[in-house]
Amino acid sequence: MALQLPEISDAEWDVMNVLWSANAPLSANDVVERLADVRNWSPRTVKTLLNRLINKGALAYEAQGKRYLYRPRASREQCVREETRSFLSRVFANAPGAMLLQFVEQAKLTPDEVAALRKLLDKKGK
């Protein structure tokens, strides 16, 4: 049975990004330390976010002595895909073309990015 991916808040994305980047389970203190450069959160705030993510099913944990080690239950790619679907539905009424047009119009793209988009669109048009 596939994992039902939860909605993740902006603050929870910060925590998930730390765990995805780690490539190994981390303790709450490890997460606090790695977030110190990005957020000025207290350890209590980080532990609250970790608990929310566990309750949402986004994280798993295991006890190791007196500490818990946390790991994502879904990959970054799975969560990005789900967030994209949700965004597309909420903001663009499930119209991917309108979303892409808006993004391309607003984006500052390098010549290489424009070329890659042209190539992809040419391939998609065939």
PDB file of N, CA and C in Angstrom:
ATOM      1  N   MET A   1       0.842  -1.181   0.000  1.00  0.00           N
ATOM      2  CA  MET A   1       0.000   0.000   0.000  1.00  0.00           C
ATOM      3  C   MET A   1       0.893   1.252   0.000  1.00  0.00           C
ATOM      4  N   ALA A   2       0.583   2.197  -0.867  1.00  0.00           N
ATOM      5  CA  ALA A   2       1.394   3.411  -0.994  1.00  0.00           C
ATOM      6  C   ALA A   2       1.196   4.324   0.207  1.00  0.00           C
ATOM      7  N   LEU A   3       2.250   5.031   0.540  1.00  0.00           N
ATOM      8  CA  LEU A   3       2.214   5.988   1.638  1.00  0.00           C
ATOM      9  C   LEU A   3       1.365   7.179   1.246  1.00  0.00           C
ATOM     10  N   GLN A   4       0.400   7.535   2.080  1.00  0.00           N
ATOM     11  CA  GLN A   4      -0.400   8.746   1.871  1.00  0.00           C
ATOM     12  C   GLN A   4       0.439   9.928   2.328  1.00  0.00           C
ATOM     13  N   LEU A   5       0.824  10.786   1.387  1.00  0.00           N
ATOM     14  CA  LEU A   5       1.697  11.901   1.720  1.00  0.00           C
ATOM     15  C   LEU A   5       0.891  13.045   2.330  1.00  0.00           C
ATOM     16  N   PRO A   6       1.347  13.556   3.460  1.00  0.00           N
ATOM     17  CA  PRO A   6       0.622  14.627   4.147  1.00  0.00           C
ATOM     18  C   PRO A   6       0.962  16.001   3.578  1.00  0.00           C
ATOM     19  N   GLU A   7       0.128  16.975   3.915  1.00  0.00           N
ATOM     20  CA  GLU A   7       0.475  18.362   3.620  1.00  0.00           C
ATOM     21  C   GLU A   7       1.528  18.782   4.633  1.00  0.00           C
ATOM     22  N   ILE A   8       2.574  19.424   4.145  1.00  0.00           N
ATOM     23  CA  ILE A   8       3.697  19.824   4.995  1.00  0.00           C
ATOM     24  C   ILE A   8       3.801  21.343   4.971  1.00  0.00           C
ATOM     25  N   SER A   9       3.851  21.944   6.160  1.00  0.00           N
ATOM     26  CA  SER A   9       3.957  23.405   6.270  1.00  0.00           C
ATOM     27  C   SER A   9       5.357  23.873   5.876  1.00  0.00           C
ATOM     28  N   ASP A  10       5.518  25.171   5.674  1.00  0.00           N
ATOM     29  CA  ASP A  10       6.831  25.721   5.321  1.00  0.00           C
ATOM     30  C   ASP A  10       7.887  25.373   6.368  1.00  0.00           C
ATOM     31  N   ALA A  11       7.553  25.520   7.637  1.00  0.00           N
ATOM     32  CA  ALA A  11       8.503  25.200   8.708  1.00  0.00           C
ATOM     33  C   ALA A  11       8.849  23.710   8.683  1.00  0.00           C
ATOM     34  N   GLU A  12       7.858  22.871   8.436  1.00  0.00           N
ATOM     35  CA  GLU A  12       8.100  21.430   8.376  1.00  0.00           C
ATOM     36  C   GLU A  12       8.982  21.063   7.179  1.00  0.00           C
ATOM     37  N   TRP A  13       8.857  21.806   6.073  1.00  0.00           N
ATOM     38  CA  TRP A  13       9.739  21.574   4.922  1.00  0.00           C
ATOM     39  C   TRP A  13      11.192  21.801   5.322  1.00  0.00           C
ATOM     40  N   ASP A  14      11.457  22.826   6.135  1.00  0.00           N
ATOM     41  CA  ASP A  14      12.826  23.073   6.591  1.00  0.00           C
ATOM     42  C   ASP A  14      13.377  21.857   7.334  1.00  0.00           C
ATOM     43  N   VAL A  15      12.561  21.286   8.211  1.00  0.00           N
ATOM     44  CA  VAL A  15      12.982  20.104   8.974  1.00  0.00           C
ATOM     45  C   VAL A  15      13.184  18.908   8.032  1.00  0.00           C
ATOM     46  N   MET A  16      12.236  18.714   7.124  1.00  0.00           N
ATOM     47  CA  MET A  16      12.350  17.595   6.188  1.00  0.00           C
ATOM     48  C   MET A  16      13.601  17.734   5.319  1.00  0.00           C
ATOM     49  N   ASN A  17      13.907  18.947   4.872  1.00  0.00           N
ATOM     50  CA  ASN A  17      15.097  19.153   4.042  1.00  0.00           C
ATOM     51  C   ASN A  17      16.369  18.763   4.781  1.00  0.00           C
ATOM     52  N   VAL A  18      16.432  19.055   6.070  1.00  0.00           N
ATOM     53  CA  VAL A  18      17.592  18.641   6.876  1.00  0.00           C
ATOM     54  C   VAL A  18      17.694  17.118   6.891  1.00  0.00           C
ATOM     55  N   LEU A  19      16.581  16.457   7.110  1.00  0.00           N
ATOM     56  CA  LEU A  19      16.601  14.992   7.197  1.00  0.00           C
ATOM     57  C   LEU A  19      16.881  14.347   5.846  1.00  0.00           C
ATOM     58  N   TRP A  20      16.318  14.894   4.765  1.00  0.00           N
ATOM     59  CA  TRP A  20      16.623  14.349   3.433  1.00  0.00           C
ATOM     60  C   TRP A  20      18.095  14.515   3.096  1.00  0.00           C
ATOM     61  N   SER A  21      18.677  15.624   3.482  1.00  0.00           N
ATOM     62  CA  SER A  21      20.089  15.897   3.170  1.00  0.00           C
ATOM     63  C   SER A  21      21.051  15.043   3.981  1.00  0.00           C
ATOM     64  N   ALA A  22      20.598  14.527   5.090  1.00  0.00           N
ATOM     65  CA  ALA A  22      21.473  13.795   6.010  1.00  0.00           C
ATOM     66  C   ALA A  22      21.853  12.410   5.508  1.00  0.00           C
ATOM     67  N   ASN A  23      21.001  11.763   4.751  1.00  0.00           N
ATOM     68  CA  ASN A  23      21.235  10.399   4.272  1.00  0.00           C
ATOM     69  C   ASN A  23      21.388   9.377   5.397  1.00  0.00           C
ATOM     70  N   ALA A  24      21.012   9.750   6.606  1.00  0.00           N
ATOM     71  CA  ALA A  24      21.031   8.833   7.752  1.00  0.00           C
ATOM     72  C   ALA A  24      20.101   9.416   8.811  1.00  0.00           C
ATOM     73  N   PRO A  25      19.538   8.574   9.661  1.00  0.00           N
ATOM     74  CA  PRO A  25      18.678   9.109  10.725  1.00  0.00           C
ATOM     75  C   PRO A  25      19.429  10.096  11.617  1.00  0.00           C
ATOM     76  N   LEU A  26      18.710  11.104  12.092  1.00  0.00           N
ATOM     77  CA  LEU A  26      19.299  12.134  12.950  1.00  0.00           C
ATOM     78  C   LEU A  26      18.528  12.246  14.260  1.00  0.00           C
ATOM     79  N   SER A  27      19.225  12.670  15.299  1.00  0.00           N
ATOM     80  CA  SER A  27      18.572  12.978  16.573  1.00  0.00           C
ATOM     81  C   SER A  27      17.977  14.377  16.481  1.00  0.00           C
ATOM     82  N   ALA A  28      17.104  14.707  17.417  1.00  0.00           N
ATOM     83  CA  ALA A  28      16.516  16.049  17.461  1.00  0.00           C
ATOM     84  C   ALA A  28      17.613  17.103  17.593  1.00  0.00           C
ATOM     85  N   ASN A  29      18.624  16.839  18.413  1.00  0.00           N
ATOM     86  CA  ASN A  29      19.715  17.797  18.571  1.00  0.00           C
ATOM     87  C   ASN A  29      20.490  18.001  17.275  1.00  0.00           C
ATOM     88  N   ASP A  30      20.663  16.928  16.496  1.00  0.00           N
ATOM     89  CA  ASP A  30      21.321  17.051  15.192  1.00  0.00           C
ATOM     90  C   ASP A  30      20.514  17.977  14.279  1.00  0.00           C
ATOM     91  N   VAL A  31      19.205  17.809  14.299  1.00  0.00           N
ATOM     92  CA  VAL A  31      18.336  18.638  13.461  1.00  0.00           C
ATOM     93  C   VAL A  31      18.422  20.094  13.917  1.00  0.00           C
ATOM     94  N   VAL A  32      18.383  20.336  15.224  1.00  0.00           N
ATOM     95  CA  VAL A  32      18.502  21.693  15.770  1.00  0.00           C
ATOM     96  C   VAL A  32      19.801  22.336  15.285  1.00  0.00           C
ATOM     97  N   GLU A  33      20.908  21.618  15.387  1.00  0.00           N
ATOM     98  CA  GLU A  33      22.211  22.149  14.973  1.00  0.00           C
ATOM     99  C   GLU A  33      22.248  22.487  13.486  1.00  0.00           C
ATOM    100  N   ARG A  34      21.689  21.610  12.670  1.00  0.00           N
ATOM    101  CA  ARG A  34      21.728  21.833  11.222  1.00  0.00           C
ATOM    102  C   ARG A  34      20.789  22.944  10.781  1.00  0.00           C
ATOM    103  N   LEU A  35      19.773  23.218  11.571  1.00  0.00           N
ATOM    104  CA  LEU A  35      18.846  24.314  11.246  1.00  0.00           C
ATOM    105  C   LEU A  35      19.317  25.660  11.785  1.00  0.00           C
ATOM    106  N   ALA A  36      20.321  25.656  12.640  1.00  0.00           N
ATOM    107  CA  ALA A  36      20.762  26.887  13.306  1.00  0.00           C
ATOM    108  C   ALA A  36      21.128  27.993  12.319  1.00  0.00           C
ATOM    109  N   ASP A  37      21.700  27.633  11.171  1.00  0.00           N
ATOM    110  CA  ASP A  37      22.075  28.638  10.174  1.00  0.00           C
ATOM    111  C   ASP A  37      20.870  29.188   9.414  1.00  0.00           C
ATOM    112  N   VAL A  38      19.797  28.413   9.355  1.00  0.00           N
ATOM    113  CA  VAL A  38      18.616  28.787   8.583  1.00  0.00           C
ATOM    114  C   VAL A  38      17.545  29.436   9.458  1.00  0.00           C
ATOM    115  N   ARG A  39      17.335  28.866  10.615  1.00  0.00           N
ATOM    116  CA  ARG A  39      16.277  29.310  11.525  1.00  0.00           C
ATOM    117  C   ARG A  39      16.833  29.477  12.929  1.00  0.00           C
ATOM    118  N   ASN A  40      16.305  30.432  13.639  1.00  0.00           N
ATOM    119  CA  ASN A  40      16.705  30.642  15.029  1.00  0.00           C
ATOM    120  C   ASN A  40      15.640  30.041  15.947  1.00  0.00           C
ATOM    121  N   TRP A  41      15.438  28.747  15.802  1.00  0.00           N
ATOM    122  CA  TRP A  41      14.418  28.054  16.577  1.00  0.00           C
ATOM    123  C   TRP A  41      15.021  27.437  17.826  1.00  0.00           C
ATOM    124  N   SER A  42      14.215  27.401  18.862  1.00  0.00           N
ATOM    125  CA  SER A  42      14.633  26.709  20.081  1.00  0.00           C
ATOM    126  C   SER A  42      14.546  25.201  19.849  1.00  0.00           C
ATOM    127  N   PRO A  43      15.268  24.422  20.633  1.00  0.00           N
ATOM    128  CA  PRO A  43      15.153  22.961  20.524  1.00  0.00           C
ATOM    129  C   PRO A  43      13.703  22.499  20.712  1.00  0.00           C
ATOM    130  N   ARG A  44      12.972  23.173  21.568  1.00  0.00           N
ATOM    131  CA  ARG A  44      11.564  22.798  21.812  1.00  0.00           C
ATOM    132  C   ARG A  44      10.729  22.952  20.541  1.00  0.00           C
ATOM    133  N   THR A  45      10.965  24.032  19.791  1.00  0.00           N
ATOM    134  CA  THR A  45      10.238  24.254  18.538  1.00  0.00           C
ATOM    135  C   THR A  45      10.538  23.144  17.547  1.00  0.00           C
ATOM    136  N   VAL A  46      11.811  22.785  17.418  1.00  0.00           N
ATOM    137  CA  VAL A  46      12.196  21.721  16.482  1.00  0.00           C
ATOM    138  C   VAL A  46      11.554  20.401  16.899  1.00  0.00           C
ATOM    139  N   LYS A  47      11.553  20.101  18.187  1.00  0.00           N
ATOM    140  CA  LYS A  47      10.932  18.855  18.662  1.00  0.00           C
ATOM    141  C   LYS A  47       9.431  18.855  18.400  1.00  0.00           C
ATOM    142  N   THR A  48       8.782  20.005  18.512  1.00  0.00           N
ATOM    143  CA  THR A  48       7.359  20.113  18.192  1.00  0.00           C
ATOM    144  C   THR A  48       7.134  19.808  16.717  1.00  0.00           C
ATOM    145  N   LEU A  49       7.977  20.370  15.851  1.00  0.00           N
ATOM    146  CA  LEU A  49       7.855  20.115  14.418  1.00  0.00           C
ATOM    147  C   LEU A  49       8.111  18.646  14.096  1.00  0.00           C
ATOM    148  N   LEU A  50       9.099  18.045  14.737  1.00  0.00           N
ATOM    149  CA  LEU A  50       9.361  16.616  14.529  1.00  0.00           C
ATOM    150  C   LEU A  50       8.143  15.785  14.929  1.00  0.00           C
ATOM    151  N   ASN A  51       7.535  16.109  16.069  1.00  0.00           N
ATOM    152  CA  ASN A  51       6.343  15.373  16.517  1.00  0.00           C
ATOM    153  C   ASN A  51       5.177  15.559  15.557  1.00  0.00           C
ATOM    154  N   ARG A  52       4.995  16.768  15.036  1.00  0.00           N
ATOM    155  CA  ARG A  52       3.926  16.998  14.054  1.00  0.00           C
ATOM    156  C   ARG A  52       4.145  16.135  12.815  1.00  0.00           C
ATOM    157  N   LEU A  53       5.390  16.078  12.364  1.00  0.00           N
ATOM    158  CA  LEU A  53       5.706  15.286  11.173  1.00  0.00           C
ATOM    159  C   LEU A  53       5.517  13.790  11.418  1.00  0.00           C
ATOM    160  N   ILE A  54       5.793  13.342  12.623  1.00  0.00           N
ATOM    161  CA  ILE A  54       5.522  11.938  12.978  1.00  0.00           C
ATOM    162  C   ILE A  54       4.020  11.688  12.945  1.00  0.00           C
ATOM    163  N   ASN A  55       3.260  12.588  13.567  1.00  0.00           N
ATOM    164  CA  ASN A  55       1.801  12.431  13.600  1.00  0.00           C
ATOM    165  C   ASN A  55       1.175  12.476  12.215  1.00  0.00           C
ATOM    166  N   LYS A  56       1.786  13.207  11.305  1.00  0.00           N
ATOM    167  CA  LYS A  56       1.299  13.283   9.923  1.00  0.00           C
ATOM    168  C   LYS A  56       1.741  12.072   9.102  1.00  0.00           C
ATOM    169  N   GLY A  57       2.658  11.294   9.642  1.00  0.00           N
ATOM    170  CA  GLY A  57       3.158  10.128   8.923  1.00  0.00           C
ATOM    171  C   GLY A  57       4.315  10.436   7.990  1.00  0.00           C
ATOM    172  N   ALA A  58       4.881  11.640   8.064  1.00  0.00           N
ATOM    173  CA  ALA A  58       5.994  12.018   7.187  1.00  0.00           C
ATOM    174  C   ALA A  58       7.334  11.502   7.702  1.00  0.00           C
ATOM    175  N   LEU A  59       7.424  11.276   9.008  1.00  0.00           N
ATOM    176  CA  LEU A  59       8.661  10.793   9.622  1.00  0.00           C
ATOM    177  C   LEU A  59       8.428   9.496  10.368  1.00  0.00           C
ATOM    178  N   ALA A  60       9.484   8.726  10.460  1.00  0.00           N
ATOM    179  CA  ALA A  60       9.520   7.550  11.341  1.00  0.00           C
ATOM    180  C   ALA A  60      10.635   7.809  12.344  1.00  0.00           C
ATOM    181  N   TYR A  61      10.596   7.101  13.454  1.00  0.00           N
ATOM    182  CA  TYR A  61      11.651   7.263  14.448  1.00  0.00           C
ATOM    183  C   TYR A  61      11.922   5.929  15.109  1.00  0.00           C
ATOM    184  N   GLU A  62      13.104   5.854  15.701  1.00  0.00           N
ATOM    185  CA  GLU A  62      13.453   4.679  16.495  1.00  0.00           C
ATOM    186  C   GLU A  62      14.192   5.160  17.731  1.00  0.00           C
ATOM    187  N   ALA A  63      13.939   4.481  18.831  1.00  0.00           N
ATOM    188  CA  ALA A  63      14.614   4.828  20.078  1.00  0.00           C
ATOM    189  C   ALA A  63      16.005   4.213  20.059  1.00  0.00           C
ATOM    190  N   GLN A  64      16.971   5.029  20.469  1.00  0.00           N
ATOM    191  CA  GLN A  64      18.342   4.546  20.623  1.00  0.00           C
ATOM    192  C   GLN A  64      18.830   5.059  21.968  1.00  0.00           C
ATOM    193  N   GLY A  65      18.673   4.215  22.964  1.00  0.00           N
ATOM    194  CA  GLY A  65      18.969   4.653  24.330  1.00  0.00           C
ATOM    195  C   GLY A  65      17.940   5.685  24.758  1.00  0.00           C
ATOM    196  N   LYS A  66      18.424   6.839  25.228  1.00  0.00           N
ATOM    197  CA  LYS A  66      17.520   7.900  25.686  1.00  0.00           C
ATOM    198  C   LYS A  66      17.162   8.896  24.591  1.00  0.00           C
ATOM    199  N   ARG A  67      17.650   8.667  23.387  1.00  0.00           N
ATOM    200  CA  ARG A  67      17.337   9.607  22.313  1.00  0.00           C
ATOM    201  C   ARG A  67      16.598   8.892  21.190  1.00  0.00           C
ATOM    202  N   TYR A  68      15.956   9.693  20.369  1.00  0.00           N
ATOM    203  CA  TYR A  68      15.233   9.172  19.214  1.00  0.00           C
ATOM    204  C   TYR A  68      15.954   9.606  17.947  1.00  0.00           C
ATOM    205  N   LEU A  69      15.980   8.715  16.977  1.00  0.00           N
ATOM    206  CA  LEU A  69      16.545   9.023  15.672  1.00  0.00           C
ATOM    207  C   LEU A  69      15.400   9.104  14.672  1.00  0.00           C
ATOM    208  N   TYR A  70      15.395  10.180  13.888  1.00  0.00           N
ATOM    209  CA  TYR A  70      14.306  10.466  12.961  1.00  0.00           C
ATOM    210  C   TYR A  70      14.775  10.275  11.528  1.00  0.00           C
ATOM    211  N   ARG A  71      13.854   9.767  10.689  1.00  0.00           N
ATOM    212  CA  ARG A  71      14.145   9.613   9.261  1.00  0.00           C
ATOM    213  C   ARG A  71      12.849   9.835   8.475  1.00  0.00           C
ATOM    214  N   PRO A  72      12.978  10.352   7.253  1.00  0.00           N
ATOM    215  CA  PRO A  72      11.789  10.559   6.420  1.00  0.00           C
ATOM    216  C   PRO A  72      11.170   9.229   6.011  1.00  0.00           C
ATOM    217  N   ARG A  73       9.861   9.206   5.898  1.00  0.00           N
ATOM    218  CA  ARG A  73       9.167   8.012   5.408  1.00  0.00           C
ATOM    219  C   ARG A  73       8.948   8.091   3.903  1.00  0.00           C
ATOM    220  N   ALA A  74       9.110   9.287   3.343  1.00  0.00           N
ATOM    221  CA  ALA A  74       8.944   9.476   1.903  1.00  0.00           C
ATOM    222  C   ALA A  74      10.140  10.269   1.382  1.00  0.00           C
ATOM    223  N   SER A  75      10.444  10.087   0.117  1.00  0.00           N
ATOM    224  CA  SER A  75      11.560  10.802  -0.483  1.00  0.00           C
ATOM    225  C   SER A  75      11.189  12.259  -0.749  1.00  0.00           C
ATOM    226  N   ARG A  76      12.201  13.078  -0.918  1.00  0.00           N
ATOM    227  CA  ARG A  76      11.980  14.479  -1.291  1.00  0.00           C
ATOM    228  C   ARG A  76      11.175  14.533  -2.593  1.00  0.00           C
ATOM    229  N   GLU A  77      11.523  13.684  -3.548  1.00  0.00           N
ATOM    230  CA  GLU A  77      10.851  13.684  -4.845  1.00  0.00           C
ATOM    231  C   GLU A  77       9.367  13.379  -4.708  1.00  0.00           C
ATOM    232  N   GLN A  78       9.010  12.410  -3.856  1.00  0.00           N
ATOM    233  CA  GLN A  78       7.598  12.086  -3.645  1.00  0.00           C
ATOM    234  C   GLN A  78       6.849  13.281  -3.050  1.00  0.00           C
ATOM    235  N   CYS A  79       7.460  13.933  -2.085  1.00  0.00           N
ATOM    236  CA  CYS A  79       6.809  15.071  -1.431  1.00  0.00           C
ATOM    237  C   CYS A  79       6.707  16.275  -2.361  1.00  0.00           C
ATOM    238  N   VAL A  80       7.740  16.508  -3.160  1.00  0.00           N
ATOM    239  CA  VAL A  80       7.695  17.607  -4.135  1.00  0.00           C
ATOM    240  C   VAL A  80       6.593  17.338  -5.156  1.00  0.00           C
ATOM    241  N   ARG A  81       6.502  16.109  -5.624  1.00  0.00           N
ATOM    242  CA  ARG A  81       5.457  15.748  -6.595  1.00  0.00           C
ATOM    243  C   ARG A  81       4.067  15.999  -6.011  1.00  0.00           C
ATOM    244  N   GLU A  82       3.851  15.587  -4.771  1.00  0.00           N
ATOM    245  CA  GLU A  82       2.546  15.782  -4.128  1.00  0.00           C
ATOM    246  C   GLU A  82       2.263  17.264  -3.902  1.00  0.00           C
ATOM    247  N   GLU A  83       3.278  18.014  -3.471  1.00  0.00           N
ATOM    248  CA  GLU A  83       3.106  19.457  -3.258  1.00  0.00           C
ATOM    249  C   GLU A  83       2.787  20.154  -4.581  1.00  0.00           C
ATOM    250  N   THR A  84       3.419  19.714  -5.654  1.00  0.00           N
ATOM    251  CA  THR A  84       3.155  20.286  -6.975  1.00  0.00           C
ATOM    252  C   THR A  84       1.720  20.013  -7.393  1.00  0.00           C
ATOM    253  N   ARG A  85       1.254  18.789  -7.190  1.00  0.00           N
ATOM    254  CA  ARG A  85      -0.146  18.452  -7.516  1.00  0.00           C
ATOM    255  C   ARG A  85      -1.113  19.327  -6.722  1.00  0.00           C
ATOM    256  N   SER A  86      -0.836  19.480  -5.439  1.00  0.00           N
ATOM    257  CA  SER A  86      -1.702  20.281  -4.578  1.00  0.00           C
ATOM    258  C   SER A  86      -1.707  21.745  -5.033  1.00  0.00           C
ATOM    259  N   PHE A  87      -0.527  22.285  -5.314  1.00  0.00           N
ATOM    260  CA  PHE A  87      -0.405  23.670  -5.778  1.00  0.00           C
ATOM    261  C   PHE A  87      -1.129  23.859  -7.102  1.00  0.00           C
ATOM    262  N   LEU A  88      -0.923  22.939  -8.028  1.00  0.00           N
ATOM    263  CA  LEU A  88      -1.565  23.008  -9.339  1.00  0.00           C
ATOM    264  C   LEU A  88      -3.082  23.015  -9.193  1.00  0.00           C
ATOM    265  N   SER A  89      -3.581  22.179  -8.319  1.00  0.00           N
ATOM    266  CA  SER A  89      -5.019  22.106  -8.088  1.00  0.00           C
ATOM    267  C   SER A  89      -5.564  23.383  -7.449  1.00  0.00           C
ATOM    268  N   ARG A  90      -4.896  23.856  -6.391  1.00  0.00           N
ATOM    269  CA  ARG A  90      -5.379  25.024  -5.648  1.00  0.00           C
ATOM    270  C   ARG A  90      -5.272  26.317  -6.440  1.00  0.00           C
ATOM    271  N   VAL A  91      -4.133  26.532  -7.071  1.00  0.00           N
ATOM    272  CA  VAL A  91      -3.841  27.840  -7.657  1.00  0.00           C
ATOM    273  C   VAL A  91      -4.194  27.912  -9.142  1.00  0.00           C
ATOM    274  N   PHE A  92      -4.028  26.823  -9.877  1.00  0.00           N
ATOM    275  CA  PHE A  92      -4.218  26.861 -11.321  1.00  0.00           C
ATOM    276  C   PHE A  92      -5.354  25.951 -11.806  1.00  0.00           C
ATOM    277  N   ALA A  93      -6.236  25.541 -10.911  1.00  0.00           N
ATOM    278  CA  ALA A  93      -7.397  24.713 -11.273  1.00  0.00           C
ATOM    279  C   ALA A  93      -6.995  23.536 -12.168  1.00  0.00           C
ATOM    280  N   ASN A  94      -5.912  22.880 -11.798  1.00  0.00           N
ATOM    281  CA  ASN A  94      -5.401  21.707 -12.523  1.00  0.00           C
ATOM    282  C   ASN A  94      -5.073  21.985 -13.983  1.00  0.00           C
ATOM    283  N   ALA A  95      -4.603  23.188 -14.283  1.00  0.00           N
ATOM    284  CA  ALA A  95      -4.224  23.549 -15.653  1.00  0.00           C
ATOM    285  C   ALA A  95      -2.699  23.707 -15.723  1.00  0.00           C
ATOM    286  N   PRO A  96      -1.972  22.623 -16.021  1.00  0.00           N
ATOM    287  CA  PRO A  96      -0.516  22.702 -16.012  1.00  0.00           C
ATOM    288  C   PRO A  96       0.047  23.679 -17.034  1.00  0.00           C
ATOM    289  N   GLY A  97      -0.597  23.809 -18.196  1.00  0.00           N
ATOM    290  CA  GLY A  97      -0.117  24.751 -19.199  1.00  0.00           C
ATOM    291  C   GLY A  97      -0.117  26.179 -18.681  1.00  0.00           C
ATOM    292  N   ALA A  98      -1.210  26.567 -18.011  1.00  0.00           N
ATOM    293  CA  ALA A  98      -1.298  27.922 -17.454  1.00  0.00           C
ATOM    294  C   ALA A  98      -0.218  28.139 -16.400  1.00  0.00           C
ATOM    295  N   MET A  99       0.035  27.122 -15.586  1.00  0.00           N
ATOM    296  CA  MET A  99       1.065  27.238 -14.565  1.00  0.00           C
ATOM    297  C   MET A  99       2.441  27.413 -15.206  1.00  0.00           C
ATOM    298  N   LEU A 100       2.751  26.584 -16.187  1.00  0.00           N
ATOM    299  CA  LEU A 100       4.052  26.668 -16.842  1.00  0.00           C
ATOM    300  C   LEU A 100       4.242  28.010 -17.537  1.00  0.00           C
ATOM    301  N   LEU A 101       3.218  28.480 -18.229  1.00  0.00           N
ATOM    302  CA  LEU A 101       3.312  29.783 -18.885  1.00  0.00           C
ATOM    303  C   LEU A 101       3.608  30.880 -17.871  1.00  0.00           C
ATOM    304  N   GLN A 102       2.916  30.845 -16.737  1.00  0.00           N
ATOM    305  CA  GLN A 102       3.126  31.842 -15.689  1.00  0.00           C
ATOM    306  C   GLN A 102       4.557  31.768 -15.151  1.00  0.00           C
ATOM    307  N   PHE A 103       5.028  30.567 -14.868  1.00  0.00           N
ATOM    308  CA  PHE A 103       6.375  30.411 -14.336  1.00  0.00           C
ATOM    309  C   PHE A 103       7.436  30.876 -15.328  1.00  0.00           C
ATOM    310  N   VAL A 104       7.292  30.477 -16.591  1.00  0.00           N
ATOM    311  CA  VAL A 104       8.285  30.856 -17.592  1.00  0.00           C
ATOM    312  C   VAL A 104       8.279  32.365 -17.792  1.00  0.00           C
ATOM    313  N   GLU A 105       7.104  32.952 -17.802  1.00  0.00           N
ATOM    314  CA  GLU A 105       7.002  34.403 -17.981  1.00  0.00           C
ATOM    315  C   GLU A 105       7.678  35.157 -16.839  1.00  0.00           C
ATOM    316  N   GLN A 106       7.568  34.673 -15.638  1.00  0.00           N
ATOM    317  CA  GLN A 106       8.099  35.354 -14.450  1.00  0.00           C
ATOM    318  C   GLN A 106       9.568  35.027 -14.163  1.00  0.00           C
ATOM    319  N   ALA A 107      10.045  33.904 -14.672  1.00  0.00           N
ATOM    320  CA  ALA A 107      11.377  33.418 -14.313  1.00  0.00           C
ATOM    321  C   ALA A 107      12.481  34.168 -15.058  1.00  0.00           C
ATOM    322  N   LYS A 108      13.603  34.305 -14.383  1.00  0.00           N
ATOM    323  CA  LYS A 108      14.833  34.787 -15.013  1.00  0.00           C
ATOM    324  C   LYS A 108      15.621  33.541 -15.404  1.00  0.00           C
ATOM    325  N   LEU A 109      15.547  33.188 -16.670  1.00  0.00           N
ATOM    326  CA  LEU A 109      16.153  31.952 -17.146  1.00  0.00           C
ATOM    327  C   LEU A 109      17.466  32.228 -17.860  1.00  0.00           C
ATOM    328  N   THR A 110      18.421  31.339 -17.673  1.00  0.00           N
ATOM    329  CA  THR A 110      19.689  31.422 -18.387  1.00  0.00           C
ATOM    330  C   THR A 110      19.465  30.896 -19.813  1.00  0.00           C
ATOM    331  N   PRO A 111      20.358  31.219 -20.724  1.00  0.00           N
ATOM    332  CA  PRO A 111      20.242  30.658 -22.081  1.00  0.00           C
ATOM    333  C   PRO A 111      20.224  29.121 -22.084  1.00  0.00           C
ATOM    334  N   ASP A 112      20.982  28.502 -21.196  1.00  0.00           N
ATOM    335  CA  ASP A 112      20.980  27.036 -21.111  1.00  0.00           C
ATOM    336  C   ASP A 112      19.622  26.508 -20.660  1.00  0.00           C
ATOM    337  N   GLU A 113      19.002  27.195 -19.704  1.00  0.00           N
ATOM    338  CA  GLU A 113      17.674  26.784 -19.233  1.00  0.00           C
ATOM    339  C   GLU A 113      16.626  26.954 -20.333  1.00  0.00           C
ATOM    340  N   VAL A 114      16.725  28.038 -21.095  1.00  0.00           N
ATOM    341  CA  VAL A 114      15.802  28.258 -22.218  1.00  0.00           C
ATOM    342  C   VAL A 114      15.976  27.148 -23.251  1.00  0.00           C
ATOM    343  N   ALA A 115      17.219  26.808 -23.555  1.00  0.00           N
ATOM    344  CA  ALA A 115      17.488  25.738 -24.522  1.00  0.00           C
ATOM    345  C   ALA A 115      16.931  24.405 -24.025  1.00  0.00           C
ATOM    346  N   ALA A 116      17.107  24.120 -22.745  1.00  0.00           N
ATOM    347  CA  ALA A 116      16.590  22.868 -22.181  1.00  0.00           C
ATOM    348  C   ALA A 116      15.069  22.838 -22.245  1.00  0.00           C
ATOM    349  N   LEU A 117      14.439  23.969 -21.967  1.00  0.00           N
ATOM    350  CA  LEU A 117      12.975  24.037 -22.069  1.00  0.00           C
ATOM    351  C   LEU A 117      12.508  23.828 -23.509  1.00  0.00           C
ATOM    352  N   ARG A 118      13.192  24.485 -24.462  1.00  0.00           N
ATOM    353  CA  ARG A 118      12.849  24.299 -25.890  1.00  0.00           C
ATOM    354  C   ARG A 118      12.940  22.839 -26.283  1.00  0.00           C
ATOM    355  N   LYS A 119      14.022  22.196 -25.862  1.00  0.00           N
ATOM    356  CA  LYS A 119      14.230  20.780 -26.206  1.00  0.00           C
ATOM    357  C   LYS A 119      13.113  19.918 -25.622  1.00  0.00           C
ATOM    358  N   LEU A 120      12.786  20.184 -24.366  1.00  0.00           N
ATOM    359  CA  LEU A 120      11.728  19.416 -23.710  1.00  0.00           C
ATOM    360  C   LEU A 120      10.381  19.647 -24.385  1.00  0.00           C
ATOM    361  N   LEU A 121      10.067  20.895 -24.709  1.00  0.00           N
ATOM    362  CA  LEU A 121       8.794  21.209 -25.356  1.00  0.00           C
ATOM    363  C   LEU A 121       8.728  20.614 -26.763  1.00  0.00           C
ATOM    364  N   ASP A 122       9.858  20.646 -27.501  1.00  0.00           N
ATOM    365  CA  ASP A 122       9.888  20.020 -28.820  1.00  0.00           C
ATOM    366  C   ASP A 122       9.600  18.527 -28.718  1.00  0.00           C
ATOM    367  N   LYS A 123      10.224  17.891 -27.747  1.00  0.00           N
ATOM    368  CA  LYS A 123      10.022  16.446 -27.518  1.00  0.00           C
ATOM    369  C   LYS A 123       8.568  16.178 -27.128  1.00  0.00           C
ATOM    370  N   LYS A 124       8.024  17.028 -26.263  1.00  0.00           N
ATOM    371  CA  LYS A 124       6.646  16.853 -25.788  1.00  0.00           C
ATOM    372  C   LYS A 124       5.643  17.069 -26.922  1.00  0.00           C
ATOM    373  N   GLY A 125       5.976  17.945 -27.868  1.00  0.00           N
ATOM    374  CA  GLY A 125       5.081  18.258 -28.980  1.00  0.00           C
ATOM    375  C   GLY A 125       5.012  17.181 -30.048  1.00  0.00           C
ATOM    376  N   LYS A 126       5.931  16.236 -30.009  1.00  0.00           N
ATOM    377  CA  LYS A 126       5.959  15.170 -31.043  1.00  0.00           C
ATOM    378  C   LYS A 126       5.088  14.008 -30.681  1.00  0.00           C
TER     379      LYS A 126
END
